[in-house]
Protein backbone atom coordinates (compact mmCIF):
# COMPACT_ATOMS: atom_id res chain seq x y z
CA MET A 1 -16.70 71.97 89.49
CA CYS A 2 -13.11 71.07 88.69
CA HIS A 3 -10.33 73.14 90.22
CA TYR A 4 -7.24 74.53 88.57
CA GLY A 5 -4.36 72.10 88.91
CA LYS A 6 -1.61 70.19 87.11
CA TYR A 7 -3.83 69.10 84.23
CA SER A 8 -5.40 72.52 83.61
CA SER A 9 -4.96 74.10 80.22
CA LYS A 10 -4.88 77.86 79.77
CA ILE A 11 -6.96 78.48 76.67
CA ARG A 12 -6.94 82.27 76.78
CA SER A 13 -4.91 84.88 78.59
CA GLU A 14 -5.54 88.59 78.42
CA ALA A 15 -4.39 91.67 80.26
CA LYS A 16 -7.61 91.71 82.24
CA GLY A 17 -7.62 88.02 83.19
CA THR A 18 -7.19 84.39 82.26
CA VAL A 19 -9.57 81.59 81.34
CA PHE A 20 -8.57 78.06 82.40
CA VAL A 21 -9.96 74.73 81.31
CA THR A 22 -9.45 71.78 83.63
CA ILE A 23 -9.04 68.40 82.02
CA ASP A 24 -9.95 65.09 83.56
CA ARG A 25 -7.94 62.23 82.02
CA LYS A 26 -9.75 58.93 82.27
CA ASN A 27 -9.51 55.72 80.31
CA ASP A 28 -7.11 57.27 77.81
CA ARG A 29 -9.67 59.92 76.93
CA ILE A 30 -9.74 63.69 77.41
CA ARG A 31 -12.80 65.37 78.91
CA ILE A 32 -13.33 69.07 79.45
CA CYS A 33 -14.95 69.26 82.89
CA THR A 34 -15.51 72.96 83.31
CA CYS A 35 -13.65 76.18 83.62
CA TYR A 36 -13.48 79.09 85.94
CA LEU A 37 -12.69 82.65 85.08
CA HIS A 38 -10.36 85.25 86.51
CA THR A 39 -11.30 88.47 84.81
CA GLU A 40 -12.47 91.96 85.51
CA ILE A 41 -15.58 93.07 83.68
CA SER A 42 -16.34 96.74 83.83
CA ASN A 43 -18.57 97.00 80.80
CA PRO A 44 -20.28 94.88 78.11
CA LYS A 45 -17.43 95.49 75.68
CA ASN A 46 -15.09 93.56 77.95
CA MET A 47 -17.64 90.74 78.18
CA LYS A 48 -17.57 90.43 74.42
CA LYS A 49 -13.81 90.89 74.15
CA TYR A 50 -12.61 88.51 76.88
CA ILE A 51 -15.26 86.00 77.89
CA LEU A 52 -17.20 85.13 74.76
CA PRO A 53 -14.13 83.96 72.74
CA SER A 54 -13.07 81.79 75.66
CA LEU A 55 -16.54 80.29 76.04
CA LEU A 56 -16.59 79.49 72.34
CA ALA A 57 -13.24 77.74 72.73
CA LEU A 58 -14.63 75.82 75.70
CA LEU A 59 -17.73 74.72 73.79
CA ALA A 60 -15.58 73.62 70.86
CA SER A 61 -13.52 71.52 73.26
CA CYS A 62 -16.34 70.01 75.31
CA LYS A 63 -16.82 67.02 73.06
CA GLU A 64 -15.12 63.91 74.42
CA LYS A 65 -11.98 63.14 72.44
CA LYS A 66 -9.83 60.10 72.19
CA ALA A 67 -6.15 60.47 72.94
CA ASP A 68 -3.85 61.23 70.04
CA PRO A 69 -4.11 58.15 67.78
CA SER A 70 -0.36 58.28 67.25
CA GLN A 71 0.03 57.35 70.91
CA LYS A 72 -1.53 53.91 70.68
CA GLY A 73 -2.73 51.42 68.12
CA GLU A 74 -1.72 48.39 66.11
CA VAL A 75 1.62 48.06 64.37
CA ALA A 76 2.42 45.39 61.81
CA THR A 77 5.88 43.91 62.40
CA GLN A 78 7.59 41.01 60.67
CA THR A 79 6.15 38.55 63.21
CA ASP A 80 3.23 40.19 65.01
CA THR A 81 0.45 42.68 64.88
CA LEU A 82 1.65 44.56 67.91
CA LYS A 83 -0.94 46.35 70.06
CA LEU A 84 0.66 49.37 71.66
CA PRO A 85 -1.12 50.92 74.65
CA ALA A 86 -1.15 54.66 75.23
CA PRO A 87 1.86 55.94 77.21
CA ASP A 88 1.28 55.88 80.95
CA GLU A 89 3.91 58.12 82.52
CA LYS A 90 2.01 58.44 85.79
CA ASN A 91 1.98 54.72 86.51
CA SER A 92 5.53 53.74 85.69
CA LYS A 93 6.58 51.07 88.22
CA ASN A 94 9.95 49.73 89.34
CA LYS A 95 10.68 46.24 90.61
CA PHE A 96 14.35 45.35 90.97
CA SER A 97 15.33 41.70 91.13
CA ASN A 98 17.23 40.26 94.06
CA VAL A 99 20.11 38.03 92.96
CA ILE A 100 20.49 34.99 95.23
CA GLY A 101 22.94 32.97 93.10
CA TRP A 102 22.75 29.41 91.81
CA PRO A 103 22.71 26.59 94.37
CA ALA A 104 25.22 23.79 93.85
CA GLY A 105 24.00 21.33 91.25
CA LYS A 106 21.30 23.66 89.86
CA ALA A 107 21.30 25.06 86.34
CA PRO A 108 18.98 26.88 83.91
CA ALA A 109 16.39 24.76 82.11
CA ALA A 110 16.59 24.05 78.37
CA PRO A 111 14.13 22.14 76.14
CA GLU A 112 14.11 18.36 76.14
CA GLY A 113 17.23 16.82 74.62
CA PHE A 114 19.54 19.66 75.70
CA THR A 115 22.13 19.53 78.46
CA VAL A 116 23.25 22.61 80.41
CA THR A 117 26.67 22.64 82.09
CA ARG A 118 29.07 25.17 83.61
CA PHE A 119 31.74 26.10 81.09
CA ALA A 120 33.37 28.64 83.43
CA GLU A 121 32.53 29.91 86.91
CA LYS A 122 33.73 31.94 89.88
CA ILE A 123 34.56 34.92 87.69
CA LYS A 124 33.36 38.50 88.18
CA SER A 125 30.68 39.66 85.78
CA PRO A 126 31.20 37.80 82.47
CA ARG A 127 29.36 39.90 79.90
CA ASN A 128 30.36 39.05 76.35
CA MET A 129 32.24 36.34 74.42
CA ILE A 130 33.88 35.64 71.08
CA GLN A 131 35.70 32.61 69.66
CA GLY A 132 39.16 32.77 68.13
CA PRO A 133 40.29 31.04 64.90
CA ASN A 134 41.78 28.12 66.87
CA GLY A 135 38.69 27.65 69.04
CA ASP A 136 39.83 29.68 72.07
CA ILE A 137 36.96 31.36 73.92
CA PHE A 138 37.48 34.97 75.02
CA VAL A 139 35.28 36.23 77.88
CA VAL A 140 35.13 39.90 78.82
CA LEU A 141 34.64 40.81 82.49
CA SER A 142 33.13 44.24 83.23
CA ASN A 143 30.33 45.83 85.19
CA SER A 144 28.66 49.13 85.98
CA GLU A 145 30.59 51.35 88.36
CA ARG A 146 28.49 53.51 90.68
CA SER A 147 29.41 56.72 92.44
CA ALA A 148 28.99 56.93 96.22
CA THR A 149 25.76 58.87 95.74
CA GLU A 150 24.42 56.36 93.21
CA LYS A 151 25.29 53.48 95.51
CA VAL A 152 23.35 54.95 98.43
CA LYS A 153 20.38 55.59 96.15
CA ASN A 154 20.58 52.07 94.71
CA ASP A 155 20.84 50.51 98.17
CA ILE A 156 17.59 52.22 99.09
CA SER A 157 15.76 51.34 95.87
CA GLY A 158 16.99 47.73 95.80
CA LYS A 159 18.86 48.18 92.55
CA SER A 160 22.14 47.20 94.22
CA ASP A 161 20.72 43.70 94.80
CA ALA A 162 20.13 43.28 91.07
CA GLU A 163 23.62 43.96 89.76
CA VAL A 164 27.32 43.29 90.19
CA GLY A 165 28.80 45.92 92.48
CA GLY A 166 32.22 47.41 93.08
CA LYS A 167 34.97 48.23 90.65
CA SER A 168 34.78 46.63 87.24
CA ALA A 169 37.20 43.74 86.66
CA ASN A 170 38.18 45.36 83.34
CA ARG A 171 39.86 42.30 81.89
CA ILE A 172 39.50 39.60 79.27
CA LEU A 173 40.00 35.91 80.03
CA VAL A 174 40.83 33.21 77.48
CA TYR A 175 39.69 29.59 77.82
CA ARG A 176 41.08 26.64 75.86
CA ASP A 177 39.21 23.38 75.34
CA ALA A 178 41.89 21.41 73.49
CA ASN A 179 40.11 18.05 73.45
CA LYS A 180 36.77 19.67 72.53
CA ASP A 181 34.74 17.99 75.26
CA GLY A 182 33.08 21.22 76.37
CA ILE A 183 35.31 21.60 79.43
CA PRO A 184 38.26 23.99 79.15
CA GLU A 185 41.56 22.55 80.39
CA SER A 186 43.31 25.89 80.73
CA SER A 187 42.58 29.57 81.12
CA SER A 188 44.53 32.79 81.44
CA VAL A 189 44.15 36.53 81.87
CA PHE A 190 44.46 37.56 78.25
CA LEU A 191 44.28 41.34 78.64
CA GLU A 192 43.77 43.62 81.65
CA ASN A 193 43.70 47.23 82.84
CA LEU A 194 40.91 48.05 80.41
CA ASN A 195 38.07 50.55 80.84
CA GLN A 196 34.70 48.80 81.04
CA PRO A 197 35.31 46.64 77.96
CA TYR A 198 32.53 44.81 76.14
CA GLY A 199 33.06 44.26 72.42
CA MET A 200 35.90 42.10 71.07
CA LEU A 201 36.99 41.32 67.53
CA ILE A 202 39.82 39.53 65.75
CA ILE A 203 40.88 40.65 62.27
CA LYS A 204 43.97 38.87 60.94
CA ASP A 205 46.82 39.68 63.35
CA LYS A 206 44.91 42.30 65.32
CA PHE A 207 42.76 41.97 68.45
CA TYR A 208 40.22 44.77 68.93
CA VAL A 209 38.59 45.79 72.21
CA ALA A 210 35.75 48.29 72.64
CA ASN A 211 36.14 50.07 75.96
CA THR A 212 33.40 52.43 77.05
CA ASP A 213 35.45 55.40 75.84
CA GLY A 214 36.97 54.06 72.65
CA VAL A 215 38.19 51.25 70.43
CA TRP A 216 41.68 49.80 70.93
CA MET A 217 43.74 47.60 68.62
CA TYR A 218 46.45 45.18 69.81
CA PRO A 219 48.96 42.97 67.97
CA TYR A 220 47.77 39.35 68.17
CA THR A 221 49.00 35.92 67.16
CA THR A 222 46.52 33.05 67.07
CA GLY A 223 46.99 30.84 70.12
CA GLU A 224 48.42 33.53 72.38
CA MET A 225 47.17 33.19 75.96
CA LYS A 226 48.18 36.73 76.94
CA ILE A 227 48.65 40.05 75.18
CA THR A 228 51.97 41.58 76.16
CA GLN A 229 52.49 44.28 73.54
CA PRO A 230 50.93 47.72 73.96
CA GLY A 231 47.77 48.59 72.08
CA LYS A 232 46.71 51.68 70.18
CA LYS A 233 43.51 53.66 70.53
CA ILE A 234 42.04 53.99 67.05
CA LEU A 235 38.72 55.66 67.87
CA SER A 236 37.40 57.80 70.72
CA LEU A 237 33.83 57.30 71.92
CA PRO A 238 31.64 59.08 74.49
CA ALA A 239 32.06 57.17 77.77
CA GLY A 240 29.36 55.87 80.08
CA GLY A 241 25.67 56.38 79.48
CA TYR A 242 22.20 56.15 80.96
CA ASN A 243 21.81 53.31 83.45
CA ASN A 244 23.95 50.53 81.89
CA HIS A 245 24.47 52.10 78.47
CA TRP A 246 28.26 52.08 78.79
CA THR A 247 28.69 48.96 76.65
CA ARG A 248 30.24 49.28 73.17
CA ASN A 249 30.04 46.23 70.94
CA LEU A 250 31.99 45.32 67.78
CA ILE A 251 31.38 43.28 64.65
CA ALA A 252 33.18 43.13 61.28
CA THR A 253 31.93 42.50 57.78
CA LYS A 254 32.62 39.12 56.23
CA ASP A 255 35.47 40.53 54.15
CA GLN A 256 36.77 42.37 57.26
CA SER A 257 36.84 45.69 55.43
CA LYS A 258 34.48 47.47 57.86
CA ILE A 259 33.86 47.43 61.60
CA TYR A 260 30.53 48.33 63.18
CA ILE A 261 30.31 49.75 66.71
CA SER A 262 27.17 49.95 68.82
CA VAL A 263 26.88 52.97 71.13
CA GLY A 264 23.97 53.45 73.54
CA SER A 265 22.28 56.69 74.57
CA GLY A 266 23.44 58.90 77.41
CA SER A 267 19.91 59.35 78.73
CA ASN A 268 16.50 57.72 78.83
CA VAL A 269 14.82 59.99 76.30
CA GLY A 270 17.18 62.87 75.65
CA GLU A 271 16.30 64.64 78.90
CA ASN A 272 19.87 65.91 79.33
CA GLY A 273 19.81 67.70 76.00
CA MET A 274 20.51 66.28 72.57
CA GLU A 275 23.79 68.18 72.47
CA ASN A 276 24.98 65.52 74.94
CA GLU A 277 23.98 62.66 72.63
CA VAL A 278 26.56 63.20 69.89
CA LYS A 279 27.73 59.82 68.47
CA ARG A 280 25.23 58.07 70.76
CA ALA A 281 22.19 55.87 70.09
CA ASN A 282 23.86 54.84 66.84
CA ILE A 283 25.66 52.05 65.10
CA LEU A 284 28.87 53.55 63.74
CA GLU A 285 31.01 52.34 60.85
CA ILE A 286 34.81 52.60 60.63
CA ASN A 287 37.67 51.10 58.68
CA PRO A 288 39.91 48.59 60.51
CA ASP A 289 42.48 51.33 61.19
CA GLY A 290 39.85 53.58 62.80
CA SER A 291 39.47 55.95 59.87
CA GLY A 292 36.33 56.65 57.87
CA GLU A 293 33.99 57.04 60.83
CA LYS A 294 30.34 57.54 59.91
CA ILE A 295 26.90 56.86 61.33
CA TYR A 296 25.57 53.68 59.75
CA ALA A 297 22.13 53.80 61.44
CA ALA A 298 20.63 56.16 64.01
CA GLY A 299 17.83 56.41 66.56
CA LEU A 300 18.74 53.07 68.19
CA ARG A 301 18.43 53.81 71.91
CA ASN A 302 20.77 51.10 73.20
CA PRO A 303 21.90 48.62 70.55
CA VAL A 304 24.12 45.96 72.12
CA GLY A 305 24.11 42.53 70.48
CA MET A 306 24.92 42.45 66.76
CA SER A 307 25.03 39.47 64.42
CA TRP A 308 24.93 38.70 60.70
CA ASN A 309 21.84 37.03 59.29
CA PRO A 310 23.31 33.82 57.79
CA SER A 311 20.72 33.69 55.00
CA THR A 312 20.76 37.28 53.78
CA GLY A 313 24.07 38.66 55.05
CA GLU A 314 22.25 41.60 56.69
CA LEU A 315 23.39 43.11 59.96
CA TRP A 316 20.89 42.61 62.80
CA THR A 317 20.84 44.04 66.31
CA VAL A 318 18.85 43.93 69.55
CA VAL A 319 17.86 47.24 71.13
CA ASN A 320 16.81 48.27 74.64
CA GLU A 321 13.94 50.71 74.32
CA ARG A 322 12.94 53.58 76.63
CA ASP A 323 11.66 53.57 80.21
CA GLU A 324 8.94 55.25 82.28
CA LEU A 325 5.98 54.93 79.91
CA GLY A 326 4.31 52.04 81.74
CA ASP A 327 4.67 48.28 82.00
CA GLU A 328 3.95 47.61 78.33
CA LEU A 329 5.92 50.40 76.66
CA VAL A 330 8.19 50.41 74.86
CA PRO A 331 9.02 46.88 73.62
CA ASP A 332 12.68 46.01 73.13
CA TYR A 333 13.28 44.66 69.66
CA LEU A 334 15.34 42.59 67.24
CA THR A 335 15.76 44.19 63.84
CA SER A 336 17.69 44.26 60.64
CA VAL A 337 19.83 47.39 60.44
CA LYS A 338 19.20 49.47 57.34
CA LYS A 339 21.95 51.82 56.23
CA ASP A 340 21.26 55.53 56.82
CA GLN A 341 17.88 54.82 58.39
CA PHE A 342 16.33 56.20 61.60
CA TYR A 343 14.74 53.99 64.27
CA GLY A 344 13.01 56.63 66.36
CA TRP A 345 14.92 57.46 69.53
CA PRO A 346 14.16 59.71 71.30
CA TYR A 347 11.27 61.20 69.35
CA ALA A 348 9.24 58.16 68.36
CA TYR A 349 8.99 54.39 68.59
CA PHE A 350 7.69 51.58 66.38
CA GLY A 351 7.00 53.87 63.48
CA ASN A 352 5.37 57.25 64.01
CA HIS A 353 4.30 56.68 67.62
CA GLU A 354 5.52 59.91 69.13
CA ASP A 355 7.02 59.93 72.60
CA PRO A 356 4.86 62.39 74.60
CA ARG A 357 7.97 63.74 76.32
CA ARG A 358 9.36 64.92 72.96
CA LYS A 359 6.06 65.77 71.33
CA GLY A 360 6.18 68.17 68.41
CA GLU A 361 9.97 68.55 68.38
CA LYS A 362 10.99 66.63 65.27
CA PRO A 363 7.99 65.75 63.08
CA ASP A 364 10.30 64.96 60.16
CA LEU A 365 12.14 62.29 62.16
CA VAL A 366 8.91 60.93 63.60
CA ALA A 367 7.58 60.49 60.07
CA LYS A 368 10.65 58.58 58.90
CA THR A 369 10.95 56.27 61.93
CA ILE A 370 11.28 52.64 60.89
CA VAL A 371 9.14 49.89 62.43
CA PRO A 372 11.59 47.26 63.77
CA ASP A 373 11.19 43.65 62.73
CA VAL A 374 10.59 41.65 65.92
CA PRO A 375 9.23 42.98 69.25
CA LEU A 376 10.82 41.26 72.26
CA GLY A 377 8.66 42.44 75.16
CA SER A 378 8.85 45.67 77.11
CA HIS A 379 11.74 46.20 79.55
CA THR A 380 13.21 42.73 78.94
CA ALA A 381 16.71 44.21 78.57
CA SER A 382 17.52 42.21 75.46
CA LEU A 383 21.32 42.40 75.21
CA GLY A 384 22.97 39.34 73.66
CA LEU A 385 22.43 38.19 70.06
CA ASP A 386 23.77 35.42 67.88
CA PHE A 387 22.30 33.66 64.86
CA TYR A 388 22.58 29.89 64.94
CA ARG A 389 24.64 28.75 61.94
CA ALA A 390 25.60 25.22 63.03
CA SER A 391 23.84 21.85 62.75
CA GLN A 392 24.11 20.37 66.26
CA PHE A 393 20.71 21.75 67.40
CA PRO A 394 17.47 20.43 65.85
CA GLU A 395 16.29 21.82 62.53
CA LYS A 396 13.93 24.45 64.01
CA TYR A 397 16.86 26.36 65.51
CA ARG A 398 18.95 26.61 62.36
CA ASN A 399 19.39 30.16 61.07
CA GLY A 400 17.31 31.44 64.00
CA ALA A 401 18.37 34.05 66.56
CA PHE A 402 19.23 33.51 70.22
CA ILE A 403 18.83 36.54 72.49
CA GLY A 404 20.08 37.06 76.03
CA GLN A 405 17.40 38.93 78.00
CA HIS A 406 19.01 40.38 81.12
CA GLY A 407 15.63 41.16 82.68
CA SER A 408 13.47 44.09 83.71
CA TRP A 409 13.52 46.71 86.44
CA ASN A 410 11.10 49.38 85.16
CA ARG A 411 8.06 47.12 85.41
CA SER A 412 5.65 46.01 88.14
CA SER A 413 6.58 42.35 87.65
CA LEU A 414 9.70 40.66 86.31
CA ALA A 415 10.04 40.12 82.55
CA GLY A 416 12.91 38.72 80.54
CA TYR A 417 15.47 36.80 82.62
CA GLN A 418 15.90 34.16 79.94
CA VAL A 419 17.56 33.31 76.67
CA ALA A 420 14.88 33.76 74.02
CA PHE A 421 14.76 32.29 70.52
CA VAL A 422 13.29 33.73 67.32
CA PRO A 423 12.78 31.26 64.44
CA PHE A 424 13.77 32.34 60.93
CA ALA A 425 12.89 31.06 57.47
CA ASN A 426 14.23 32.39 54.18
CA GLY A 427 16.09 35.14 55.99
CA LYS A 428 13.05 36.54 57.83
CA ALA A 429 11.65 35.98 61.29
CA SER A 430 8.95 33.34 60.97
CA GLY A 431 7.50 33.51 64.47
CA SER A 432 7.43 35.47 67.70
CA TYR A 433 10.15 35.15 70.30
CA GLU A 434 9.87 32.14 72.58
CA PRO A 435 11.66 30.97 75.74
CA PHE A 436 14.68 28.74 75.20
CA LEU A 437 16.82 28.83 78.35
CA THR A 438 14.75 29.56 81.44
CA GLY A 439 14.78 28.98 85.19
CA PHE A 440 16.71 32.15 86.05
CA ILE A 441 13.80 33.40 88.18
CA ALA A 442 13.62 31.70 91.58
CA ASP A 443 10.53 33.50 92.95
CA LYS A 444 8.77 35.95 90.64
CA GLU A 445 6.58 37.51 93.33
CA LYS A 446 9.51 38.16 95.67
CA GLY A 447 11.74 39.13 92.77
CA ASP A 448 14.42 36.54 93.61
CA VAL A 449 16.58 35.43 90.68
CA TYR A 450 19.45 32.96 90.43
CA GLY A 451 21.16 34.81 87.60
CA ARG A 452 20.78 37.14 84.63
CA PRO A 453 21.87 36.18 81.09
CA VAL A 454 23.72 38.67 78.90
CA GLY A 455 25.91 37.65 75.94
CA VAL A 456 25.26 34.53 73.86
CA LEU A 457 27.72 32.78 71.53
CA GLN A 458 27.32 29.85 69.18
CA THR A 459 30.64 27.99 69.26
CA ASN A 460 32.32 26.12 66.41
CA ASP A 461 31.06 22.76 67.71
CA GLY A 462 27.44 23.99 67.61
CA ALA A 463 26.95 24.50 71.34
CA LEU A 464 25.63 27.78 72.80
CA LEU A 465 27.50 29.69 75.52
CA VAL A 466 25.57 32.06 77.78
CA ALA A 467 27.27 34.67 79.98
CA ASP A 468 25.46 35.05 83.32
CA ASP A 469 27.06 38.17 84.76
CA VAL A 470 25.57 38.42 88.26
CA SER A 471 26.29 34.77 89.08
CA GLY A 472 29.80 34.76 87.57
CA ILE A 473 29.06 31.73 85.37
CA VAL A 474 29.31 30.97 81.66
CA TRP A 475 26.77 28.28 80.82
CA ARG A 476 27.15 25.81 77.96
CA VAL A 477 24.04 24.44 76.22
CA ALA A 478 24.49 21.38 74.01
CA TYR A 479 22.07 19.06 72.26
CA THR A 480 22.80 15.55 73.50
CA LYS A 481 19.70 13.57 72.64
CA LYS A 482 20.50 10.72 70.29
């Protein structure tokens, strides 16, 4: 006989007693084992009133049932028929990487014909990059800042070994490669005293920075190596966020009439209350002066990288999906961003697959959840994104997407820790993601890694820059085979 416990379901409760059904969950199925009764029977009328209805309910439930079909199944994406397992909250595993740094003379591995060199090094936590009109490279330095309590907890769990610690550098560096040989001759602190910056943008004579708590605009003249004039805050944003969701990225339309801002969630799956998620898990739209704020797309748990599809002109993003549903849920993804559409967070994922932790709360939003275009593997922490628009790389890479995968922690073995590539044809993904820049993992079983890639940037000369935050290096990947 089963005993009443955490998986018991109360199928009937009356003044005279309660009937419980105990459920044994096995192999993603639900079985009714048995029940036991707490009731007082003083006459046959009570037998009929209290016990018989409960026994009928038990008999109706005794057939073996499969788990809710919305919880697992096949999903057709642009590149794959994705097989989603059932959520497995009870077996969520953590494995934090241990950063050991790159030995002298060692570098990530690229496909044959490519050369990988150090564009910049010995800097604290390079996260994101843009290129100015004259070819200058701007690199933002920022990292997560932990409270004393968080630090103790992270020291115990091993999380501290996987990230950059201490106070965020909160600055932007500028690098100039005047002779265009891939080696910058000069560099300077371009802007400092920021607040966990990430996104950068240049529109005409203005330089924009997205701090964690808002967007700032500064006067800028092309070629300046340092901003000296004060800036102006044009938009306030909710600061911080779940885990590393403090990043705010920026991108402008081709005609520079609109700016889009990515804002991650403040929680894993809304567990702190949705009233605390205002303006979060969205891509926002504003005018260049900060006016006209609106939600462009919603339900994007942590959108970070954004880039324009060179063939269609559509906005695309990469999104970090939710944790604690097992090793294989939920896949991060690359997707086109449809105006006024909903991508699921926190109620659903990959279409109408309802998150069991929010079950039954918003059936209307579950029903309208979009299936994203390209799954990128679960817990890969896909952060950086840039479409390849140049001609230096071989034909297969043209118009495709490069993605910086920072790497997993909520998984029993390491995943990500690479720059991935998704091929495109006629404006659509034409294949699954594949490894491009690898070798970041030193020992998968031990969890040792040399570095962790974040932002990616295709430069004007056709090379690819990769920001490796934990190692303090910006890598340059060029195709050199004749």
